[in-house]
Amino acid sequence: MRIQRILAAAVAASALFALAVALPASAAVGDISTVAGTGTVGYGGDDGLATLAQFESFYGMSVDGAGNVYIADGGNYMIRRIDHTTGIVTRVAGTGTGGNSPDGTVATVADIGWVTDVAVNAAGDLYIADEQHNVIRRVDHATGLISTVAGTGAAGYSGDDGLATIAELNGPYGVSVTAAGDLYIADSANNVIRRVDHATGIITTVAGTGAVGYSGDGAAATDATFDWPMDVVVDAAG
């Protein structure tokens, strides 16, 4: 089987590479199965089986502790969730219309932009990379409200050592969250990786100089150069 344009994959806590969403009982170890999408570009199928749903240009995904899968369905301007037990897909953020609704809006009625990644923490809160609007947004699991946790909306590279909400990002494609709640952002057009401290909300650059290139192996990460880093993943050691 040839698989085209794999841009992101997530690994559950069990370290299985398969996204174990309602897989057939007959599926053998090592088998590959489709767990979401029909192969047809579009939008449809919410509240039904994910294998019968349509998606458009999804880039990033994340798996929570229960095995539920969250998908950044960028072309449809939304985040969708596949229930681990039932295989049912639902929309959890975004309306399908591109936009940038204000903080404090219920996520399912909030317009969001071209989203390229999603991360989920232990509490079930979602962190969304809105590449189009140069921000990272958070959906609170308890309230369902959306808020901005990094970026002003303006494209730029500024704000290190200050609050992430008044810092500028430029096309952030990837986001990851640690067990402690710290965020790591692939600030793609700035060619850097940035960190938002959970306790203080302060943002810093942890890798990259901002210059385009490939250099720095064996040296401090902040002295290395990158070329449009599109994602970031944090391991158990941080």
C-alpha atoms as a PDB file:
ATOM      1  CA  MET A   1       0.000   0.000   0.000  1.00  0.00           C
ATOM      2  CA  ARG A   2       1.332   3.445  -0.914  1.00  0.00           C
ATOM      3  CA  ILE A   3       0.426   6.260   1.474  1.00  0.00           C
ATOM      4  CA  GLN A   4       0.632   9.809   0.160  1.00  0.00           C
ATOM      5  CA  ARG A   5       1.338  13.017   2.064  1.00  0.00           C
ATOM      6  CA  ILE A   6       1.671  11.755   5.621  1.00  0.00           C
ATOM      7  CA  LEU A   7       2.254  15.024   7.479  1.00  0.00           C
ATOM      8  CA  ALA A   8       1.700  13.981  11.078  1.00  0.00           C
ATOM      9  CA  ALA A   9       1.185  10.934  13.201  1.00  0.00           C
ATOM     10  CA  ALA A  10       0.487  10.477  16.882  1.00  0.00           C
ATOM     11  CA  VAL A  11       1.427   7.662  19.203  1.00  0.00           C
ATOM     12  CA  ALA A  12      -0.844   6.715  22.097  1.00  0.00           C
ATOM     13  CA  ALA A  13       0.477   6.194  25.587  1.00  0.00           C
ATOM     14  CA  SER A  14       0.498   2.463  24.908  1.00  0.00           C
ATOM     15  CA  ALA A  15       3.166   3.160  22.242  1.00  0.00           C
ATOM     16  CA  LEU A  16       1.095   1.480  19.540  1.00  0.00           C
ATOM     17  CA  PHE A  17       1.652   3.011  16.144  1.00  0.00           C
ATOM     18  CA  ALA A  18      -1.874   2.119  15.035  1.00  0.00           C
ATOM     19  CA  LEU A  19      -4.641   4.512  15.962  1.00  0.00           C
ATOM     20  CA  ALA A  20      -6.779   1.913  17.668  1.00  0.00           C
ATOM     21  CA  VAL A  21     -10.193   3.344  16.933  1.00  0.00           C
ATOM     22  CA  ALA A  22     -12.812   0.636  16.513  1.00  0.00           C
ATOM     23  CA  LEU A  23     -10.448  -1.620  14.589  1.00  0.00           C
ATOM     24  CA  PRO A  24     -11.853  -4.944  13.457  1.00  0.00           C
ATOM     25  CA  ALA A  25     -11.316  -7.746  15.941  1.00  0.00           C
ATOM     26  CA  SER A  26      -9.764  -9.739  13.112  1.00  0.00           C
ATOM     27  CA  ALA A  27      -7.049  -7.144  12.485  1.00  0.00           C
ATOM     28  CA  ALA A  28      -3.625  -8.714  12.836  1.00  0.00           C
ATOM     29  CA  VAL A  29      -0.616  -7.092  14.433  1.00  0.00           C
ATOM     30  CA  GLY A  30       1.140  -4.994  11.813  1.00  0.00           C
ATOM     31  CA  ASP A  31      -1.954  -4.606   9.630  1.00  0.00           C
ATOM     32  CA  ILE A  32      -2.739  -1.103   8.433  1.00  0.00           C
ATOM     33  CA  SER A  33      -6.339   0.045   8.557  1.00  0.00           C
ATOM     34  CA  THR A  34      -8.184   3.224   7.684  1.00  0.00           C
ATOM     35  CA  VAL A  35      -9.645   4.752  10.838  1.00  0.00           C
ATOM     36  CA  ALA A  36     -10.908   8.056   9.445  1.00  0.00           C
ATOM     37  CA  GLY A  37     -11.932   9.373   6.063  1.00  0.00           C
ATOM     38  CA  THR A  38     -13.174   7.907   2.816  1.00  0.00           C
ATOM     39  CA  GLY A  39     -10.410   9.258   0.601  1.00  0.00           C
ATOM     40  CA  THR A  40     -12.773  11.858  -0.853  1.00  0.00           C
ATOM     41  CA  VAL A  41     -12.029  15.495  -0.061  1.00  0.00           C
ATOM     42  CA  GLY A  42     -14.894  17.302   1.636  1.00  0.00           C
ATOM     43  CA  TYR A  43     -16.742  17.775   4.872  1.00  0.00           C
ATOM     44  CA  GLY A  44     -19.334  15.362   6.137  1.00  0.00           C
ATOM     45  CA  GLY A  45     -20.088  12.561   8.514  1.00  0.00           C
ATOM     46  CA  ASP A  46     -20.123  14.203  11.925  1.00  0.00           C
ATOM     47  CA  ASP A  47     -21.857  12.059  14.551  1.00  0.00           C
ATOM     48  CA  GLY A  48     -21.271   8.971  12.427  1.00  0.00           C
ATOM     49  CA  LEU A  49     -18.439   6.511  11.928  1.00  0.00           C
ATOM     50  CA  ALA A  50     -15.142   8.236  11.199  1.00  0.00           C
ATOM     51  CA  THR A  51     -14.477   5.804   8.352  1.00  0.00           C
ATOM     52  CA  LEU A  52     -17.520   7.227   6.539  1.00  0.00           C
ATOM     53  CA  ALA A  53     -16.620  10.868   7.180  1.00  0.00           C
ATOM     54  CA  GLN A  54     -14.952  13.307   4.815  1.00  0.00           C
ATOM     55  CA  PHE A  55     -11.981  15.504   5.688  1.00  0.00           C
ATOM     56  CA  GLU A  56      -9.999  18.156   3.862  1.00  0.00           C
ATOM     57  CA  SER A  57      -6.279  18.706   4.246  1.00  0.00           C
ATOM     58  CA  PHE A  58      -5.764  17.482   7.781  1.00  0.00           C
ATOM     59  CA  TYR A  59      -2.240  18.029   9.005  1.00  0.00           C
ATOM     60  CA  GLY A  60      -1.830  17.227  12.693  1.00  0.00           C
ATOM     61  CA  MET A  61      -3.354  14.907  15.222  1.00  0.00           C
ATOM     62  CA  SER A  62      -3.107  13.987  18.879  1.00  0.00           C
ATOM     63  CA  VAL A  63      -4.254  11.118  21.070  1.00  0.00           C
ATOM     64  CA  ASP A  64      -5.467  11.566  24.643  1.00  0.00           C
ATOM     65  CA  GLY A  65      -4.950   9.184  27.539  1.00  0.00           C
ATOM     66  CA  ALA A  66      -8.169   7.334  26.745  1.00  0.00           C
ATOM     67  CA  GLY A  67      -7.191   6.740  23.117  1.00  0.00           C
ATOM     68  CA  ASN A  68      -9.499   9.351  21.604  1.00  0.00           C
ATOM     69  CA  VAL A  69      -8.032  10.953  18.486  1.00  0.00           C
ATOM     70  CA  TYR A  70      -8.104  14.689  17.734  1.00  0.00           C
ATOM     71  CA  ILE A  71      -7.563  15.814  14.144  1.00  0.00           C
ATOM     72  CA  ALA A  72      -6.670  19.267  12.833  1.00  0.00           C
ATOM     73  CA  ASP A  73      -8.956  19.341   9.784  1.00  0.00           C
ATOM     74  CA  GLY A  74      -7.322  22.427   8.338  1.00  0.00           C
ATOM     75  CA  GLY A  75      -9.214  22.753   5.082  1.00  0.00           C
ATOM     76  CA  ASN A  76     -12.493  22.610   6.975  1.00  0.00           C
ATOM     77  CA  TYR A  77     -11.336  25.084   9.642  1.00  0.00           C
ATOM     78  CA  MET A  78     -12.057  22.797  12.562  1.00  0.00           C
ATOM     79  CA  ILE A  79     -10.822  20.259  15.087  1.00  0.00           C
ATOM     80  CA  ARG A  80     -12.579  16.885  15.052  1.00  0.00           C
ATOM     81  CA  ARG A  81     -12.557  14.095  17.605  1.00  0.00           C
ATOM     82  CA  ILE A  82     -12.829  10.340  17.071  1.00  0.00           C
ATOM     83  CA  ASP A  83     -14.154   8.438  20.059  1.00  0.00           C
ATOM     84  CA  HIS A  84     -11.903   5.504  20.877  1.00  0.00           C
ATOM     85  CA  THR A  85     -14.762   3.236  21.943  1.00  0.00           C
ATOM     86  CA  THR A  86     -17.344   3.935  19.247  1.00  0.00           C
ATOM     87  CA  GLY A  87     -15.333   5.246  16.292  1.00  0.00           C
ATOM     88  CA  ILE A  88     -17.766   8.184  16.034  1.00  0.00           C
ATOM     89  CA  VAL A  89     -16.400  11.513  14.789  1.00  0.00           C
ATOM     90  CA  THR A  90     -17.582  14.865  16.150  1.00  0.00           C
ATOM     91  CA  ARG A  91     -16.598  18.494  15.700  1.00  0.00           C
ATOM     92  CA  VAL A  92     -15.111  19.976  18.884  1.00  0.00           C
ATOM     93  CA  ALA A  93     -13.818  23.346  17.663  1.00  0.00           C
ATOM     94  CA  GLY A  94     -14.540  25.545  14.668  1.00  0.00           C
ATOM     95  CA  THR A  95     -17.629  26.055  12.545  1.00  0.00           C
ATOM     96  CA  GLY A  96     -16.314  25.285   9.077  1.00  0.00           C
ATOM     97  CA  THR A  97     -15.980  28.989   8.291  1.00  0.00           C
ATOM     98  CA  GLY A  98     -12.525  30.503   8.472  1.00  0.00           C
ATOM     99  CA  GLY A  99     -12.153  33.301  10.990  1.00  0.00           C
ATOM    100  CA  ASN A 100     -10.795  34.326  14.354  1.00  0.00           C
ATOM    101  CA  SER A 101     -13.605  34.531  16.908  1.00  0.00           C
ATOM    102  CA  PRO A 102     -12.877  36.346  20.169  1.00  0.00           C
ATOM    103  CA  ASP A 103     -11.645  34.693  23.318  1.00  0.00           C
ATOM    104  CA  GLY A 104     -14.398  33.381  25.555  1.00  0.00           C
ATOM    105  CA  THR A 105     -16.464  31.993  22.670  1.00  0.00           C
ATOM    106  CA  VAL A 106     -17.754  28.425  22.898  1.00  0.00           C
ATOM    107  CA  ALA A 107     -15.331  26.471  20.718  1.00  0.00           C
ATOM    108  CA  THR A 108     -17.993  24.769  18.602  1.00  0.00           C
ATOM    109  CA  VAL A 109     -19.445  28.135  17.523  1.00  0.00           C
ATOM    110  CA  ALA A 110     -16.068  29.872  17.208  1.00  0.00           C
ATOM    111  CA  ASP A 111     -14.566  30.517  13.786  1.00  0.00           C
ATOM    112  CA  ILE A 112     -10.928  29.452  13.579  1.00  0.00           C
ATOM    113  CA  GLY A 113      -8.426  29.601  10.753  1.00  0.00           C
ATOM    114  CA  TRP A 114      -6.393  27.066   8.824  1.00  0.00           C
ATOM    115  CA  VAL A 115      -5.403  24.841  11.724  1.00  0.00           C
ATOM    116  CA  THR A 116      -2.316  22.695  11.290  1.00  0.00           C
ATOM    117  CA  ASP A 117      -1.877  20.896  14.600  1.00  0.00           C
ATOM    118  CA  VAL A 118      -3.596  20.019  17.854  1.00  0.00           C
ATOM    119  CA  ALA A 119      -2.252  18.795  21.188  1.00  0.00           C
ATOM    120  CA  VAL A 120      -4.149  17.556  24.231  1.00  0.00           C
ATOM    121  CA  ASN A 121      -3.014  17.638  27.847  1.00  0.00           C
ATOM    122  CA  ALA A 122      -3.824  15.254  30.684  1.00  0.00           C
ATOM    123  CA  ALA A 123      -6.880  17.317  31.656  1.00  0.00           C
ATOM    124  CA  GLY A 124      -8.319  17.095  28.139  1.00  0.00           C
ATOM    125  CA  ASP A 125      -7.639  20.725  27.212  1.00  0.00           C
ATOM    126  CA  LEU A 126      -6.834  21.220  23.528  1.00  0.00           C
ATOM    127  CA  TYR A 127      -4.066  23.415  22.125  1.00  0.00           C
ATOM    128  CA  ILE A 128      -4.568  24.402  18.498  1.00  0.00           C
ATOM    129  CA  ALA A 129      -1.984  25.785  16.084  1.00  0.00           C
ATOM    130  CA  ASP A 130      -3.826  28.341  13.933  1.00  0.00           C
ATOM    131  CA  GLU A 131      -1.159  28.895  11.304  1.00  0.00           C
ATOM    132  CA  GLN A 132      -3.321  31.326   9.368  1.00  0.00           C
ATOM    133  CA  HIS A 133      -3.790  33.714  12.286  1.00  0.00           C
ATOM    134  CA  ASN A 134      -0.354  33.274  13.885  1.00  0.00           C
ATOM    135  CA  VAL A 135      -1.726  32.129  17.232  1.00  0.00           C
ATOM    136  CA  ILE A 136      -2.009  29.129  19.522  1.00  0.00           C
ATOM    137  CA  ARG A 137      -5.489  28.714  20.955  1.00  0.00           C
ATOM    138  CA  ARG A 138      -6.741  26.638  23.862  1.00  0.00           C
ATOM    139  CA  VAL A 139     -10.083  24.915  24.340  1.00  0.00           C
ATOM    140  CA  ASP A 140     -10.845  24.398  28.013  1.00  0.00           C
ATOM    141  CA  HIS A 141     -12.129  20.877  28.569  1.00  0.00           C
ATOM    142  CA  ALA A 142     -14.376  21.860  31.483  1.00  0.00           C
ATOM    143  CA  THR A 143     -16.030  24.930  29.943  1.00  0.00           C
ATOM    144  CA  GLY A 144     -15.644  24.393  26.192  1.00  0.00           C
ATOM    145  CA  LEU A 145     -14.461  27.990  25.801  1.00  0.00           C
ATOM    146  CA  ILE A 146     -11.678  29.002  23.423  1.00  0.00           C
ATOM    147  CA  SER A 147      -8.887  31.428  24.289  1.00  0.00           C
ATOM    148  CA  THR A 148      -5.553  32.577  22.886  1.00  0.00           C
ATOM    149  CA  VAL A 149      -2.461  31.419  24.771  1.00  0.00           C
ATOM    150  CA  ALA A 150       0.273  32.606  22.392  1.00  0.00           C
ATOM    151  CA  GLY A 151       0.478  35.189  19.636  1.00  0.00           C
ATOM    152  CA  THR A 152      -1.198  38.501  18.907  1.00  0.00           C
ATOM    153  CA  GLY A 153      -2.478  37.638  15.444  1.00  0.00           C
ATOM    154  CA  ALA A 154       0.204  39.724  13.745  1.00  0.00           C
ATOM    155  CA  ALA A 155       2.948  37.877  11.893  1.00  0.00           C
ATOM    156  CA  GLY A 156       6.362  38.563  13.384  1.00  0.00           C
ATOM    157  CA  TYR A 157       9.080  37.396  15.728  1.00  0.00           C
ATOM    158  CA  SER A 158       9.064  39.210  19.033  1.00  0.00           C
ATOM    159  CA  GLY A 159       8.236  38.920  22.701  1.00  0.00           C
ATOM    160  CA  ASP A 160      10.792  36.493  24.100  1.00  0.00           C
ATOM    161  CA  ASP A 161      11.000  36.667  27.896  1.00  0.00           C
ATOM    162  CA  GLY A 162       7.563  38.264  28.034  1.00  0.00           C
ATOM    163  CA  LEU A 163       3.986  37.023  28.092  1.00  0.00           C
ATOM    164  CA  ALA A 164       3.200  34.703  25.193  1.00  0.00           C
ATOM    165  CA  THR A 165      -0.082  36.494  24.537  1.00  0.00           C
ATOM    166  CA  ILE A 166       1.760  39.677  23.541  1.00  0.00           C
ATOM    167  CA  ALA A 167       4.487  37.906  21.562  1.00  0.00           C
ATOM    168  CA  GLU A 168       4.411  37.616  17.785  1.00  0.00           C
ATOM    169  CA  LEU A 169       4.495  34.273  15.981  1.00  0.00           C
ATOM    170  CA  ASN A 170       4.772  33.663  12.262  1.00  0.00           C
ATOM    171  CA  GLY A 171       2.902  30.727  10.776  1.00  0.00           C
ATOM    172  CA  PRO A 172       3.089  28.326  13.736  1.00  0.00           C
ATOM    173  CA  TYR A 173       2.504  24.866  12.277  1.00  0.00           C
ATOM    174  CA  GLY A 174       3.083  22.579  15.256  1.00  0.00           C
ATOM    175  CA  VAL A 175       2.349  22.501  18.968  1.00  0.00           C
ATOM    176  CA  SER A 176       3.073  20.012  21.737  1.00  0.00           C
ATOM    177  CA  VAL A 177       2.327  20.002  25.465  1.00  0.00           C
ATOM    178  CA  THR A 178       4.357  18.404  28.243  1.00  0.00           C
ATOM    179  CA  ALA A 179       3.052  16.547  31.265  1.00  0.00           C
ATOM    180  CA  ALA A 180       3.734  19.715  33.275  1.00  0.00           C
ATOM    181  CA  GLY A 181       1.659  21.797  30.863  1.00  0.00           C
ATOM    182  CA  ASP A 182       4.474  23.675  29.121  1.00  0.00           C
ATOM    183  CA  LEU A 183       3.883  24.333  25.420  1.00  0.00           C
ATOM    184  CA  TYR A 184       6.415  23.878  22.640  1.00  0.00           C
ATOM    185  CA  ILE A 185       5.632  25.651  19.377  1.00  0.00           C
ATOM    186  CA  ALA A 186       7.100  25.089  15.927  1.00  0.00           C
ATOM    187  CA  ASP A 187       7.196  28.757  14.914  1.00  0.00           C
ATOM    188  CA  SER A 188       7.683  27.748  11.339  1.00  0.00           C
ATOM    189  CA  ALA A 189       8.167  30.940   9.358  1.00  0.00           C
ATOM    190  CA  ASN A 190      10.514  32.211  12.081  1.00  0.00           C
ATOM    191  CA  ASN A 191      12.602  29.004  11.837  1.00  0.00           C
ATOM    192  CA  VAL A 192      12.581  28.496  15.614  1.00  0.00           C
ATOM    193  CA  ILE A 193      11.072  26.369  18.360  1.00  0.00           C
ATOM    194  CA  ARG A 194       9.553  28.337  21.221  1.00  0.00           C
ATOM    195  CA  ARG A 195       8.424  27.364  24.709  1.00  0.00           C
ATOM    196  CA  VAL A 196       5.608  28.787  26.817  1.00  0.00           C
ATOM    197  CA  ASP A 197       6.017  28.180  30.532  1.00  0.00           C
ATOM    198  CA  HIS A 198       2.797  26.828  32.025  1.00  0.00           C
ATOM    199  CA  ALA A 199       3.214  28.556  35.378  1.00  0.00           C
ATOM    200  CA  THR A 200       4.193  32.015  34.152  1.00  0.00           C
ATOM    201  CA  GLY A 201       2.941  32.273  30.562  1.00  0.00           C
ATOM    202  CA  ILE A 202       6.408  33.505  29.536  1.00  0.00           C
ATOM    203  CA  ILE A 203       7.648  32.608  26.051  1.00  0.00           C
ATOM    204  CA  THR A 204      11.261  31.884  25.112  1.00  0.00           C
ATOM    205  CA  THR A 205      13.096  30.549  22.079  1.00  0.00           C
ATOM    206  CA  VAL A 206      14.647  27.165  22.846  1.00  0.00           C
ATOM    207  CA  ALA A 207      15.980  26.202  19.408  1.00  0.00           C
ATOM    208  CA  GLY A 208      16.976  28.141  16.332  1.00  0.00           C
ATOM    209  CA  THR A 209      18.431  31.565  15.633  1.00  0.00           C
ATOM    210  CA  GLY A 210      15.731  32.741  13.260  1.00  0.00           C
ATOM    211  CA  ALA A 211      18.018  32.363  10.255  1.00  0.00           C
ATOM    212  CA  VAL A 212      17.230  29.783   7.589  1.00  0.00           C
ATOM    213  CA  GLY A 213      19.722  26.952   7.340  1.00  0.00           C
ATOM    214  CA  TYR A 214      20.949  23.619   8.612  1.00  0.00           C
ATOM    215  CA  SER A 215      23.682  23.881  11.180  1.00  0.00           C
ATOM    216  CA  GLY A 216      24.502  23.487  14.829  1.00  0.00           C
ATOM    217  CA  ASP A 217      24.519  19.752  15.495  1.00  0.00           C
ATOM    218  CA  GLY A 218      26.434  19.127  18.700  1.00  0.00           C
ATOM    219  CA  ALA A 219      26.111  22.750  19.821  1.00  0.00           C
ATOM    220  CA  ALA A 220      23.547  24.661  21.855  1.00  0.00           C
ATOM    221  CA  ALA A 221      20.111  24.420  20.235  1.00  0.00           C
ATOM    222  CA  THR A 222      19.708  28.195  20.331  1.00  0.00           C
ATOM    223  CA  ASP A 223      22.776  28.494  18.071  1.00  0.00           C
ATOM    224  CA  ALA A 224      21.437  26.028  15.496  1.00  0.00           C
ATOM    225  CA  THR A 225      19.626  26.967  12.301  1.00  0.00           C
ATOM    226  CA  PHE A 226      16.482  25.365  10.902  1.00  0.00           C
ATOM    227  CA  ASP A 227      14.474  25.632   7.712  1.00  0.00           C
ATOM    228  CA  TRP A 228      10.743  25.954   8.366  1.00  0.00           C
ATOM    229  CA  PRO A 229      10.303  23.452  11.232  1.00  0.00           C
ATOM    230  CA  MET A 230       6.767  22.143  10.851  1.00  0.00           C
ATOM    231  CA  ASP A 231       6.225  20.182  14.049  1.00  0.00           C
ATOM    232  CA  VAL A 232       7.587  19.496  17.499  1.00  0.00           C
ATOM    233  CA  VAL A 233       7.134  16.513  19.809  1.00  0.00           C
ATOM    234  CA  VAL A 234       8.093  16.227  23.469  1.00  0.00           C
ATOM    235  CA  ASP A 235       9.123  12.914  25.000  1.00  0.00           C
ATOM    236  CA  ALA A 236       8.488  11.703  28.547  1.00  0.00           C
ATOM    237  CA  ALA A 237      11.743  13.229  29.775  1.00  0.00           C
ATOM    238  CA  GLY A 238      10.729  16.659  28.502  1.00  0.00           C
END
